[in-house]
Amino acid sequence: MVQENHMQVHFDAKSVNEGLARMVVTAFMTNMNPTLEQIADVKTAVSEAVTNAIIHGYEDETKQVELTCDQNGQQLVVTVEDHGVGIEDLEQALQPFFTTKPELERSGMGFSFMEAFMDRIEVRSKKGEGTRVVMWKYIEREREQ
């Protein structure tokens, strides 16, 4: 039997909520029996996506970030969406080290980290309407000894 599950959370676009997002996704995926490495990969990717939404999507902490998780068997799909300013040049934004905020630490590596730690990512953005990042991770169960 294929196990399915869905979760959706909205939270204020405040940096403090980045940790909340990681914890919620980690709790959601526990029934998939992930390895510690898989948990760390997903937490890192979620952290980058949520941080991008907060820092680049909005200039207003009262706005909301939407986090959605779906489980279809051993496939985890995490979506992070904002309804902020959008990305002016998506192709350029996906290049390593590109940033619109060079004054910030680790600027320009968010999408690269997401791609490195997840099996697949898809980014859609429309200027003035927001950005949606969808990330897939296949959680392979460890074989019982």
N, C-alpha and C. Protein backbone atom coordinates (compact mmCIF):
# COMPACT_ATOMS: atom_id res chain seq x y z
N MET A 1 0.84 -1.18 0.00
CA MET A 1 0.00 0.00 0.00
C MET A 1 0.89 1.25 0.00
N VAL A 2 0.63 2.15 -0.92
CA VAL A 2 1.39 3.39 -1.01
C VAL A 2 0.85 4.37 0.03
N GLN A 3 1.76 4.84 0.86
CA GLN A 3 1.35 5.79 1.90
C GLN A 3 1.37 7.20 1.33
N GLU A 4 0.30 7.94 1.59
CA GLU A 4 0.21 9.32 1.14
C GLU A 4 -0.11 10.21 2.33
N ASN A 5 0.38 11.45 2.24
CA ASN A 5 0.13 12.41 3.31
C ASN A 5 0.31 13.81 2.73
N HIS A 6 -0.32 14.81 3.35
CA HIS A 6 -0.24 16.20 2.90
C HIS A 6 -0.23 17.12 4.11
N MET A 7 0.54 18.19 4.01
CA MET A 7 0.62 19.17 5.07
C MET A 7 0.83 20.54 4.45
N GLN A 8 0.20 21.55 5.04
CA GLN A 8 0.37 22.92 4.56
C GLN A 8 0.43 23.85 5.77
N VAL A 9 1.43 24.73 5.78
CA VAL A 9 1.63 25.67 6.88
C VAL A 9 1.90 27.05 6.29
N HIS A 10 1.32 28.06 6.92
CA HIS A 10 1.60 29.45 6.56
C HIS A 10 2.26 30.10 7.77
N PHE A 11 3.28 30.90 7.53
CA PHE A 11 3.93 31.60 8.63
C PHE A 11 4.43 32.96 8.16
N ASP A 12 4.62 33.86 9.13
CA ASP A 12 5.11 35.20 8.81
C ASP A 12 6.51 35.14 8.22
N ALA A 13 6.80 36.07 7.33
CA ALA A 13 8.10 36.13 6.65
C ALA A 13 9.14 36.75 7.58
N LYS A 14 9.42 36.03 8.66
CA LYS A 14 10.41 36.46 9.65
C LYS A 14 11.50 35.40 9.71
N SER A 15 12.74 35.84 9.81
CA SER A 15 13.88 34.91 9.83
C SER A 15 13.76 33.85 10.92
N VAL A 16 13.17 34.20 12.04
CA VAL A 16 13.01 33.25 13.15
C VAL A 16 12.18 32.03 12.73
N ASN A 17 11.33 32.17 11.73
CA ASN A 17 10.47 31.07 11.30
C ASN A 17 11.16 30.08 10.36
N GLU A 18 12.38 30.37 9.96
CA GLU A 18 13.14 29.43 9.13
C GLU A 18 13.38 28.13 9.90
N GLY A 19 13.70 28.24 11.18
CA GLY A 19 13.89 27.05 12.01
C GLY A 19 12.60 26.27 12.19
N LEU A 20 11.50 26.98 12.32
CA LEU A 20 10.18 26.34 12.42
C LEU A 20 9.91 25.50 11.17
N ALA A 21 10.19 26.07 10.01
CA ALA A 21 9.95 25.35 8.75
C ALA A 21 10.76 24.06 8.70
N ARG A 22 12.02 24.11 9.09
CA ARG A 22 12.86 22.91 9.09
C ARG A 22 12.30 21.84 10.03
N MET A 23 11.86 22.27 11.21
CA MET A 23 11.32 21.32 12.20
C MET A 23 10.03 20.67 11.70
N VAL A 24 9.17 21.47 11.10
CA VAL A 24 7.89 20.95 10.61
C VAL A 24 8.11 19.91 9.51
N VAL A 25 9.01 20.21 8.58
CA VAL A 25 9.28 19.26 7.49
C VAL A 25 9.93 17.99 8.05
N THR A 26 10.84 18.14 8.98
CA THR A 26 11.48 16.98 9.60
C THR A 26 10.45 16.09 10.28
N ALA A 27 9.55 16.68 11.03
CA ALA A 27 8.49 15.90 11.69
C ALA A 27 7.60 15.22 10.66
N PHE A 28 7.27 15.93 9.58
CA PHE A 28 6.40 15.37 8.54
C PHE A 28 7.02 14.12 7.92
N MET A 29 8.32 14.14 7.68
CA MET A 29 8.95 13.04 6.94
C MET A 29 9.38 11.86 7.81
N THR A 30 9.18 11.93 9.12
CA THR A 30 9.65 10.85 9.99
C THR A 30 9.01 9.50 9.68
N ASN A 31 7.76 9.49 9.26
CA ASN A 31 7.11 8.21 8.97
C ASN A 31 7.65 7.55 7.70
N MET A 32 8.50 8.27 6.96
CA MET A 32 9.12 7.71 5.75
C MET A 32 10.42 6.98 6.10
N ASN A 33 10.79 6.99 7.38
CA ASN A 33 11.99 6.32 7.88
C ASN A 33 13.26 6.78 7.16
N PRO A 34 13.50 8.10 7.13
CA PRO A 34 14.69 8.61 6.44
C PRO A 34 15.96 8.38 7.26
N THR A 35 17.08 8.39 6.56
CA THR A 35 18.37 8.34 7.24
C THR A 35 18.68 9.73 7.79
N LEU A 36 19.65 9.81 8.69
CA LEU A 36 20.06 11.12 9.22
C LEU A 36 20.59 12.01 8.09
N GLU A 37 21.28 11.41 7.13
CA GLU A 37 21.79 12.18 5.99
C GLU A 37 20.64 12.75 5.16
N GLN A 38 19.60 11.96 4.93
CA GLN A 38 18.45 12.46 4.17
C GLN A 38 17.75 13.59 4.91
N ILE A 39 17.62 13.45 6.22
CA ILE A 39 17.00 14.51 7.03
C ILE A 39 17.83 15.79 6.91
N ALA A 40 19.14 15.67 7.04
CA ALA A 40 20.02 16.84 6.95
C ALA A 40 19.93 17.49 5.57
N ASP A 41 19.87 16.68 4.52
CA ASP A 41 19.74 17.21 3.15
C ASP A 41 18.46 18.03 3.00
N VAL A 42 17.35 17.47 3.44
CA VAL A 42 16.06 18.14 3.30
C VAL A 42 16.03 19.41 4.15
N LYS A 43 16.53 19.33 5.38
CA LYS A 43 16.55 20.50 6.25
C LYS A 43 17.37 21.64 5.63
N THR A 44 18.50 21.31 5.03
CA THR A 44 19.33 22.33 4.39
C THR A 44 18.60 22.97 3.23
N ALA A 45 18.00 22.17 2.38
CA ALA A 45 17.28 22.70 1.22
C ALA A 45 16.09 23.56 1.64
N VAL A 46 15.33 23.10 2.63
CA VAL A 46 14.19 23.87 3.14
C VAL A 46 14.67 25.20 3.72
N SER A 47 15.74 25.15 4.47
CA SER A 47 16.30 26.36 5.06
C SER A 47 16.65 27.38 3.98
N GLU A 48 17.28 26.93 2.91
CA GLU A 48 17.65 27.84 1.81
C GLU A 48 16.42 28.41 1.11
N ALA A 49 15.44 27.56 0.83
CA ALA A 49 14.23 28.03 0.13
C ALA A 49 13.45 29.03 0.98
N VAL A 50 13.29 28.74 2.26
CA VAL A 50 12.55 29.63 3.15
C VAL A 50 13.30 30.94 3.34
N THR A 51 14.61 30.86 3.52
CA THR A 51 15.41 32.07 3.66
C THR A 51 15.30 32.95 2.42
N ASN A 52 15.36 32.33 1.24
CA ASN A 52 15.18 33.11 0.00
C ASN A 52 13.83 33.81 -0.02
N ALA A 53 12.78 33.10 0.36
CA ALA A 53 11.43 33.70 0.36
C ALA A 53 11.37 34.89 1.31
N ILE A 54 11.97 34.74 2.47
CA ILE A 54 11.92 35.80 3.48
C ILE A 54 12.78 37.00 3.08
N ILE A 55 14.00 36.74 2.68
CA ILE A 55 14.95 37.82 2.40
C ILE A 55 14.72 38.48 1.04
N HIS A 56 14.47 37.65 0.03
CA HIS A 56 14.36 38.19 -1.33
C HIS A 56 12.92 38.40 -1.77
N GLY A 57 11.99 37.63 -1.23
CA GLY A 57 10.60 37.73 -1.67
C GLY A 57 9.87 38.93 -1.10
N TYR A 58 10.19 39.26 0.14
CA TYR A 58 9.46 40.31 0.84
C TYR A 58 10.41 41.30 1.51
N GLU A 59 9.93 42.48 1.68
CA GLU A 59 10.60 43.47 2.53
C GLU A 59 9.73 43.72 3.77
N ASP A 60 8.67 42.95 3.92
CA ASP A 60 7.66 43.18 4.94
C ASP A 60 7.44 41.89 5.73
N GLU A 61 7.76 41.90 7.03
CA GLU A 61 7.63 40.70 7.86
C GLU A 61 6.19 40.29 8.13
N THR A 62 5.22 41.11 7.77
CA THR A 62 3.83 40.73 8.00
C THR A 62 3.29 39.85 6.88
N LYS A 63 4.02 39.71 5.80
CA LYS A 63 3.60 38.86 4.69
C LYS A 63 3.80 37.39 5.07
N GLN A 64 3.19 36.50 4.32
CA GLN A 64 3.20 35.08 4.64
C GLN A 64 4.03 34.26 3.63
N VAL A 65 4.68 33.24 4.16
CA VAL A 65 5.35 32.22 3.36
C VAL A 65 4.50 30.96 3.50
N GLU A 66 4.30 30.26 2.41
CA GLU A 66 3.52 29.03 2.42
C GLU A 66 4.45 27.84 2.22
N LEU A 67 4.35 26.87 3.12
CA LEU A 67 5.16 25.66 3.07
C LEU A 67 4.21 24.47 2.93
N THR A 68 4.42 23.68 1.91
CA THR A 68 3.58 22.51 1.66
C THR A 68 4.47 21.28 1.54
N CYS A 69 4.06 20.17 2.14
CA CYS A 69 4.76 18.90 2.00
C CYS A 69 3.77 17.84 1.54
N ASP A 70 4.21 17.03 0.62
CA ASP A 70 3.41 15.90 0.15
C ASP A 70 4.26 14.65 0.17
N GLN A 71 3.65 13.56 0.59
CA GLN A 71 4.30 12.26 0.56
C GLN A 71 3.49 11.36 -0.36
N ASN A 72 4.18 10.76 -1.31
CA ASN A 72 3.58 9.77 -2.19
C ASN A 72 4.52 8.57 -2.17
N GLY A 73 4.19 7.59 -1.34
CA GLY A 73 5.11 6.48 -1.14
C GLY A 73 6.36 6.99 -0.47
N GLN A 74 7.50 6.76 -1.10
CA GLN A 74 8.77 7.22 -0.53
C GLN A 74 9.26 8.51 -1.18
N GLN A 75 8.39 9.18 -1.91
CA GLN A 75 8.76 10.46 -2.51
C GLN A 75 8.23 11.60 -1.66
N LEU A 76 9.13 12.51 -1.28
CA LEU A 76 8.78 13.71 -0.54
C LEU A 76 8.84 14.90 -1.49
N VAL A 77 7.78 15.69 -1.49
CA VAL A 77 7.75 16.91 -2.31
C VAL A 77 7.52 18.08 -1.36
N VAL A 78 8.45 19.03 -1.37
CA VAL A 78 8.37 20.21 -0.50
C VAL A 78 8.23 21.43 -1.40
N THR A 79 7.22 22.25 -1.12
CA THR A 79 7.00 23.48 -1.88
C THR A 79 7.07 24.67 -0.93
N VAL A 80 7.85 25.67 -1.32
CA VAL A 80 7.95 26.92 -0.58
C VAL A 80 7.53 28.03 -1.53
N GLU A 81 6.53 28.81 -1.10
CA GLU A 81 5.97 29.82 -1.99
C GLU A 81 5.80 31.15 -1.26
N ASP A 82 6.15 32.22 -1.97
CA ASP A 82 5.86 33.56 -1.47
C ASP A 82 5.09 34.31 -2.54
N HIS A 83 4.43 35.36 -2.14
CA HIS A 83 3.68 36.20 -3.08
C HIS A 83 4.29 37.60 -3.06
N GLY A 84 5.61 37.61 -3.17
CA GLY A 84 6.38 38.84 -3.07
C GLY A 84 6.74 39.43 -4.42
N VAL A 85 7.98 39.92 -4.50
CA VAL A 85 8.42 40.70 -5.66
C VAL A 85 8.72 39.84 -6.88
N GLY A 86 8.95 38.56 -6.70
CA GLY A 86 9.31 37.70 -7.83
C GLY A 86 10.76 37.88 -8.21
N ILE A 87 11.21 37.07 -9.14
CA ILE A 87 12.60 37.11 -9.61
C ILE A 87 12.61 37.72 -11.00
N GLU A 88 13.39 38.77 -11.16
CA GLU A 88 13.42 39.48 -12.44
C GLU A 88 13.99 38.61 -13.56
N ASP A 89 15.13 37.96 -13.32
CA ASP A 89 15.78 37.11 -14.33
C ASP A 89 16.06 35.76 -13.69
N LEU A 90 15.14 34.82 -13.86
CA LEU A 90 15.24 33.52 -13.21
C LEU A 90 16.49 32.75 -13.65
N GLU A 91 16.78 32.77 -14.93
CA GLU A 91 17.95 32.05 -15.44
C GLU A 91 19.23 32.55 -14.76
N GLN A 92 19.34 33.85 -14.62
CA GLN A 92 20.50 34.44 -13.96
C GLN A 92 20.50 34.11 -12.46
N ALA A 93 19.35 34.15 -11.84
CA ALA A 93 19.24 33.87 -10.40
C ALA A 93 19.65 32.44 -10.05
N LEU A 94 19.49 31.52 -10.99
CA LEU A 94 19.83 30.12 -10.75
C LEU A 94 21.33 29.85 -10.88
N GLN A 95 22.10 30.83 -11.33
CA GLN A 95 23.55 30.67 -11.47
C GLN A 95 24.22 30.77 -10.10
N PRO A 96 25.20 29.89 -9.83
CA PRO A 96 25.92 29.98 -8.55
C PRO A 96 26.54 31.35 -8.35
N PHE A 97 26.47 31.83 -7.15
CA PHE A 97 27.04 33.09 -6.68
C PHE A 97 26.29 34.34 -7.15
N PHE A 98 25.23 34.18 -7.94
CA PHE A 98 24.46 35.37 -8.31
C PHE A 98 23.63 35.80 -7.11
N THR A 99 23.63 37.09 -6.83
CA THR A 99 22.82 37.62 -5.73
C THR A 99 22.41 39.05 -6.01
N THR A 100 21.28 39.42 -5.48
CA THR A 100 20.84 40.81 -5.53
C THR A 100 21.16 41.51 -4.22
N LYS A 101 21.71 40.73 -3.26
CA LYS A 101 22.04 41.29 -1.94
C LYS A 101 23.45 40.83 -1.54
N PRO A 102 24.49 41.41 -2.16
CA PRO A 102 25.86 40.96 -1.88
C PRO A 102 26.33 41.22 -0.46
N GLU A 103 25.63 42.06 0.27
CA GLU A 103 26.03 42.37 1.65
C GLU A 103 25.73 41.22 2.62
N LEU A 104 24.94 40.25 2.19
CA LEU A 104 24.57 39.14 3.07
C LEU A 104 25.58 38.00 2.97
N GLU A 105 25.76 37.26 4.08
CA GLU A 105 26.64 36.10 4.07
C GLU A 105 26.07 35.01 3.16
N ARG A 106 26.95 34.21 2.59
CA ARG A 106 26.58 33.06 1.74
C ARG A 106 25.70 33.46 0.57
N SER A 107 25.75 34.70 0.17
CA SER A 107 24.89 35.17 -0.91
C SER A 107 25.15 34.41 -2.21
N GLY A 108 24.08 34.06 -2.88
CA GLY A 108 24.18 33.47 -4.20
C GLY A 108 24.30 31.97 -4.25
N MET A 109 24.21 31.29 -3.13
CA MET A 109 24.38 29.84 -3.13
C MET A 109 23.10 29.07 -2.82
N GLY A 110 22.01 29.75 -2.54
CA GLY A 110 20.78 29.09 -2.13
C GLY A 110 20.27 28.05 -3.11
N PHE A 111 20.11 28.42 -4.37
CA PHE A 111 19.59 27.47 -5.35
C PHE A 111 20.60 26.34 -5.59
N SER A 112 21.89 26.65 -5.55
CA SER A 112 22.92 25.62 -5.72
C SER A 112 22.83 24.58 -4.61
N PHE A 113 22.63 25.04 -3.37
CA PHE A 113 22.48 24.11 -2.25
C PHE A 113 21.22 23.26 -2.42
N MET A 114 20.12 23.89 -2.82
CA MET A 114 18.88 23.13 -3.02
C MET A 114 19.09 22.04 -4.06
N GLU A 115 19.74 22.39 -5.17
CA GLU A 115 19.99 21.40 -6.23
C GLU A 115 20.92 20.29 -5.75
N ALA A 116 21.89 20.62 -4.91
CA ALA A 116 22.85 19.63 -4.43
C ALA A 116 22.23 18.63 -3.46
N PHE A 117 21.29 19.09 -2.63
CA PHE A 117 20.77 18.25 -1.57
C PHE A 117 19.44 17.56 -1.89
N MET A 118 18.77 18.00 -2.93
CA MET A 118 17.50 17.38 -3.32
C MET A 118 17.69 16.64 -4.65
N ASP A 119 16.77 15.74 -4.97
CA ASP A 119 16.87 15.00 -6.22
C ASP A 119 16.50 15.85 -7.42
N ARG A 120 15.63 16.81 -7.19
CA ARG A 120 15.17 17.67 -8.29
C ARG A 120 14.58 18.94 -7.68
N ILE A 121 14.78 20.07 -8.35
CA ILE A 121 14.08 21.29 -7.94
C ILE A 121 13.50 21.96 -9.18
N GLU A 122 12.44 22.70 -8.95
CA GLU A 122 11.79 23.47 -10.02
C GLU A 122 11.44 24.83 -9.43
N VAL A 123 11.82 25.89 -10.13
CA VAL A 123 11.56 27.24 -9.64
C VAL A 123 10.70 27.96 -10.67
N ARG A 124 9.61 28.53 -10.20
CA ARG A 124 8.75 29.36 -11.05
C ARG A 124 8.60 30.70 -10.37
N SER A 125 8.71 31.75 -11.15
CA SER A 125 8.61 33.08 -10.57
C SER A 125 8.05 34.04 -11.60
N LYS A 126 7.27 34.99 -11.11
CA LYS A 126 6.73 36.03 -11.96
C LYS A 126 6.94 37.36 -11.24
N LYS A 127 7.59 38.27 -11.91
CA LYS A 127 7.90 39.56 -11.32
C LYS A 127 6.62 40.22 -10.81
N GLY A 128 6.66 40.65 -9.57
CA GLY A 128 5.52 41.31 -8.95
C GLY A 128 4.47 40.37 -8.38
N GLU A 129 4.62 39.05 -8.59
CA GLU A 129 3.63 38.09 -8.11
C GLU A 129 4.18 37.05 -7.15
N GLY A 130 5.49 36.82 -7.18
CA GLY A 130 6.07 35.88 -6.24
C GLY A 130 6.82 34.74 -6.88
N THR A 131 7.30 33.85 -6.01
CA THR A 131 8.15 32.73 -6.42
C THR A 131 7.69 31.45 -5.75
N ARG A 132 7.77 30.37 -6.51
CA ARG A 132 7.42 29.04 -6.00
C ARG A 132 8.59 28.11 -6.28
N VAL A 133 9.09 27.48 -5.21
CA VAL A 133 10.18 26.52 -5.33
C VAL A 133 9.61 25.15 -4.94
N VAL A 134 9.72 24.18 -5.85
CA VAL A 134 9.27 22.82 -5.58
C VAL A 134 10.51 21.93 -5.58
N MET A 135 10.64 21.12 -4.52
CA MET A 135 11.81 20.26 -4.36
C MET A 135 11.37 18.82 -4.11
N TRP A 136 12.01 17.88 -4.78
CA TRP A 136 11.69 16.46 -4.64
C TRP A 136 12.87 15.73 -4.01
N LYS A 137 12.54 14.79 -3.12
CA LYS A 137 13.56 13.92 -2.52
C LYS A 137 12.96 12.53 -2.38
N TYR A 138 13.67 11.54 -2.94
CA TYR A 138 13.24 10.16 -2.78
C TYR A 138 13.89 9.62 -1.51
N ILE A 139 13.08 9.17 -0.59
CA ILE A 139 13.56 8.66 0.70
C ILE A 139 13.61 7.14 0.62
N GLU A 140 14.79 6.62 0.34
CA GLU A 140 14.96 5.18 0.23
C GLU A 140 15.11 4.60 1.63
N ARG A 141 14.30 3.63 1.91
CA ARG A 141 14.37 2.98 3.23
C ARG A 141 15.61 2.11 3.30
N GLU A 142 16.21 2.12 4.48
CA GLU A 142 17.37 1.25 4.67
C GLU A 142 16.89 -0.20 4.74
N ARG A 143 17.67 -1.08 4.14
CA ARG A 143 17.32 -2.50 4.17
C ARG A 143 17.54 -3.05 5.58
N GLU A 144 16.60 -3.87 6.00
CA GLU A 144 16.73 -4.48 7.32
C GLU A 144 17.77 -5.58 7.25
N GLN A 145 18.60 -5.65 8.25
CA GLN A 145 19.70 -6.63 8.31
C GLN A 145 19.18 -7.97 8.74
